[in-house]
Amino acid sequence: MEDPQVYIFIVIGAFCLLIASLFAGNAESNVLGATEFSFSITLFISFVLIIIGGVFWVSAAKILNK
């Protein structure tokens, strides 16, 4: 059996990408209560989550190719 760490990394990466896509897809700058700063922070958080999810997926692929 393969290392269960690979599957955990894949699930964590998918969860990070899911949350990031939810944030980025629902971000709007011209709604009531949204400032340019909050809109920028939301996009930054989603970008960071996409990077983190990608790192988890690359790590899982690296473990599989050993």
N, C-alpha and C. Protein backbone atom coordinates (compact mmCIF):
# COMPACT_ATOMS: atom_id res chain seq x y z
N MET A 1 0.83 -1.18 0.00
CA MET A 1 0.00 0.00 0.00
C MET A 1 0.88 1.25 0.00
N GLU A 2 0.41 2.25 -0.69
CA GLU A 2 1.16 3.50 -0.76
C GLU A 2 1.05 4.27 0.55
N ASP A 3 1.90 5.25 0.67
CA ASP A 3 1.94 6.08 1.86
C ASP A 3 0.64 6.89 1.97
N PRO A 4 -0.05 6.84 3.10
CA PRO A 4 -1.29 7.61 3.24
C PRO A 4 -1.06 9.12 3.27
N GLN A 5 0.19 9.53 3.46
CA GLN A 5 0.51 10.96 3.45
C GLN A 5 0.19 11.58 2.10
N VAL A 6 0.33 10.83 1.02
CA VAL A 6 0.03 11.33 -0.32
C VAL A 6 -1.44 11.72 -0.41
N TYR A 7 -2.31 10.86 0.07
CA TYR A 7 -3.74 11.13 -0.01
C TYR A 7 -4.14 12.30 0.88
N ILE A 8 -3.50 12.42 2.02
CA ILE A 8 -3.77 13.55 2.90
C ILE A 8 -3.36 14.85 2.23
N PHE A 9 -2.20 14.86 1.58
CA PHE A 9 -1.74 16.06 0.87
C PHE A 9 -2.68 16.42 -0.27
N ILE A 10 -3.19 15.43 -0.99
CA ILE A 10 -4.11 15.70 -2.09
C ILE A 10 -5.41 16.30 -1.57
N VAL A 11 -5.92 15.77 -0.48
CA VAL A 11 -7.17 16.29 0.09
C VAL A 11 -6.97 17.70 0.64
N ILE A 12 -5.88 17.94 1.33
CA ILE A 12 -5.62 19.29 1.85
C ILE A 12 -5.46 20.29 0.71
N GLY A 13 -4.74 19.90 -0.34
CA GLY A 13 -4.58 20.77 -1.50
C GLY A 13 -5.90 21.07 -2.18
N ALA A 14 -6.75 20.06 -2.32
CA ALA A 14 -8.06 20.27 -2.94
C ALA A 14 -8.93 21.18 -2.08
N PHE A 15 -8.86 21.01 -0.76
CA PHE A 15 -9.63 21.87 0.14
C PHE A 15 -9.17 23.32 0.05
N CYS A 16 -7.87 23.53 -0.01
CA CYS A 16 -7.34 24.90 -0.15
C CYS A 16 -7.80 25.53 -1.46
N LEU A 17 -7.76 24.76 -2.54
CA LEU A 17 -8.20 25.29 -3.83
C LEU A 17 -9.71 25.55 -3.85
N LEU A 18 -10.47 24.71 -3.17
CA LEU A 18 -11.92 24.93 -3.09
C LEU A 18 -12.23 26.23 -2.36
N ILE A 19 -11.61 26.43 -1.22
CA ILE A 19 -11.86 27.66 -0.45
C ILE A 19 -11.40 28.89 -1.23
N ALA A 20 -10.25 28.78 -1.89
CA ALA A 20 -9.73 29.91 -2.67
C ALA A 20 -10.66 30.26 -3.82
N SER A 21 -11.19 29.26 -4.50
CA SER A 21 -12.09 29.54 -5.62
C SER A 21 -13.42 30.11 -5.14
N LEU A 22 -13.87 29.68 -3.95
CA LEU A 22 -15.08 30.28 -3.39
C LEU A 22 -14.87 31.75 -3.05
N PHE A 23 -13.73 32.06 -2.44
CA PHE A 23 -13.42 33.45 -2.12
C PHE A 23 -13.31 34.30 -3.38
N ALA A 24 -12.53 33.84 -4.34
CA ALA A 24 -12.28 34.63 -5.54
C ALA A 24 -13.54 34.76 -6.40
N GLY A 25 -14.35 33.73 -6.42
CA GLY A 25 -15.56 33.77 -7.23
C GLY A 25 -16.63 34.69 -6.69
N ASN A 26 -16.66 34.87 -5.38
CA ASN A 26 -17.69 35.71 -4.77
C ASN A 26 -17.21 37.11 -4.43
N ALA A 27 -15.98 37.43 -4.71
CA ALA A 27 -15.45 38.76 -4.38
C ALA A 27 -15.97 39.79 -5.38
N GLU A 28 -16.55 40.84 -4.84
CA GLU A 28 -17.04 41.95 -5.66
C GLU A 28 -16.61 43.26 -5.00
N SER A 29 -16.16 44.16 -5.82
CA SER A 29 -15.65 45.41 -5.25
C SER A 29 -16.72 46.50 -5.17
N ASN A 30 -17.83 46.34 -5.88
CA ASN A 30 -18.82 47.43 -5.93
C ASN A 30 -20.13 47.05 -5.23
N VAL A 31 -20.02 46.40 -4.09
CA VAL A 31 -21.21 46.09 -3.30
C VAL A 31 -21.16 46.89 -2.00
N LEU A 32 -22.30 46.98 -1.34
CA LEU A 32 -22.40 47.75 -0.12
C LEU A 32 -21.54 47.13 0.98
N GLY A 33 -20.69 47.91 1.59
CA GLY A 33 -19.86 47.44 2.68
C GLY A 33 -18.49 46.95 2.26
N ALA A 34 -18.23 46.86 0.98
CA ALA A 34 -16.92 46.39 0.51
C ALA A 34 -16.05 47.59 0.17
N THR A 35 -14.86 47.61 0.72
CA THR A 35 -13.90 48.65 0.38
C THR A 35 -12.85 48.07 -0.56
N GLU A 36 -12.05 48.93 -1.12
CA GLU A 36 -10.98 48.45 -1.99
C GLU A 36 -9.97 47.61 -1.21
N PHE A 37 -9.76 47.99 0.03
CA PHE A 37 -8.82 47.24 0.87
C PHE A 37 -9.34 45.83 1.15
N SER A 38 -10.61 45.71 1.51
CA SER A 38 -11.16 44.38 1.81
C SER A 38 -11.21 43.52 0.55
N PHE A 39 -11.50 44.13 -0.59
CA PHE A 39 -11.50 43.40 -1.85
C PHE A 39 -10.09 42.90 -2.18
N SER A 40 -9.09 43.75 -1.97
CA SER A 40 -7.70 43.36 -2.23
C SER A 40 -7.24 42.26 -1.28
N ILE A 41 -7.62 42.36 -0.03
CA ILE A 41 -7.25 41.33 0.95
C ILE A 41 -7.89 39.99 0.59
N THR A 42 -9.13 40.02 0.14
CA THR A 42 -9.80 38.78 -0.26
C THR A 42 -9.09 38.13 -1.44
N LEU A 43 -8.71 38.92 -2.42
CA LEU A 43 -7.98 38.37 -3.56
C LEU A 43 -6.60 37.86 -3.15
N PHE A 44 -5.96 38.56 -2.23
CA PHE A 44 -4.65 38.11 -1.75
C PHE A 44 -4.77 36.78 -1.01
N ILE A 45 -5.78 36.66 -0.16
CA ILE A 45 -5.98 35.41 0.58
C ILE A 45 -6.26 34.26 -0.38
N SER A 46 -7.08 34.49 -1.39
CA SER A 46 -7.36 33.43 -2.34
C SER A 46 -6.12 33.06 -3.14
N PHE A 47 -5.29 34.04 -3.47
CA PHE A 47 -4.05 33.75 -4.18
C PHE A 47 -3.11 32.90 -3.32
N VAL A 48 -2.99 33.25 -2.05
CA VAL A 48 -2.14 32.49 -1.14
C VAL A 48 -2.66 31.07 -0.98
N LEU A 49 -3.97 30.90 -0.87
CA LEU A 49 -4.53 29.55 -0.75
C LEU A 49 -4.31 28.73 -2.01
N ILE A 50 -4.35 29.35 -3.17
CA ILE A 50 -4.06 28.64 -4.41
C ILE A 50 -2.61 28.18 -4.44
N ILE A 51 -1.71 29.04 -3.99
CA ILE A 51 -0.30 28.67 -3.93
C ILE A 51 -0.08 27.52 -2.95
N ILE A 52 -0.72 27.60 -1.78
CA ILE A 52 -0.58 26.54 -0.78
C ILE A 52 -1.13 25.22 -1.31
N GLY A 53 -2.29 25.26 -1.95
CA GLY A 53 -2.86 24.04 -2.53
C GLY A 53 -1.96 23.44 -3.59
N GLY A 54 -1.35 24.28 -4.41
CA GLY A 54 -0.41 23.80 -5.42
C GLY A 54 0.82 23.17 -4.80
N VAL A 55 1.31 23.75 -3.73
CA VAL A 55 2.47 23.18 -3.04
C VAL A 55 2.14 21.80 -2.48
N PHE A 56 0.94 21.66 -1.91
CA PHE A 56 0.55 20.34 -1.41
C PHE A 56 0.47 19.32 -2.54
N TRP A 57 -0.07 19.71 -3.70
CA TRP A 57 -0.19 18.78 -4.82
C TRP A 57 1.18 18.42 -5.39
N VAL A 58 2.07 19.40 -5.48
CA VAL A 58 3.42 19.11 -5.97
C VAL A 58 4.15 18.20 -4.99
N SER A 59 3.95 18.41 -3.70
CA SER A 59 4.57 17.54 -2.71
C SER A 59 4.05 16.12 -2.81
N ALA A 60 2.75 15.96 -3.05
CA ALA A 60 2.19 14.63 -3.21
C ALA A 60 2.75 13.94 -4.46
N ALA A 61 2.91 14.68 -5.53
CA ALA A 61 3.49 14.10 -6.74
C ALA A 61 4.95 13.73 -6.54
N LYS A 62 5.67 14.54 -5.77
CA LYS A 62 7.06 14.26 -5.49
C LYS A 62 7.20 12.98 -4.66
N ILE A 63 6.29 12.79 -3.70
CA ILE A 63 6.33 11.58 -2.88
C ILE A 63 6.02 10.35 -3.73
N LEU A 64 5.08 10.48 -4.66
CA LEU A 64 4.72 9.35 -5.52
C LEU A 64 5.82 8.94 -6.48
N ASN A 65 6.65 9.90 -6.86
CA ASN A 65 7.71 9.61 -7.85
C ASN A 65 9.00 9.12 -7.21
N LYS A 66 9.02 8.84 -5.93
CA LYS A 66 10.24 8.34 -5.29
C LYS A 66 10.51 6.93 -5.71
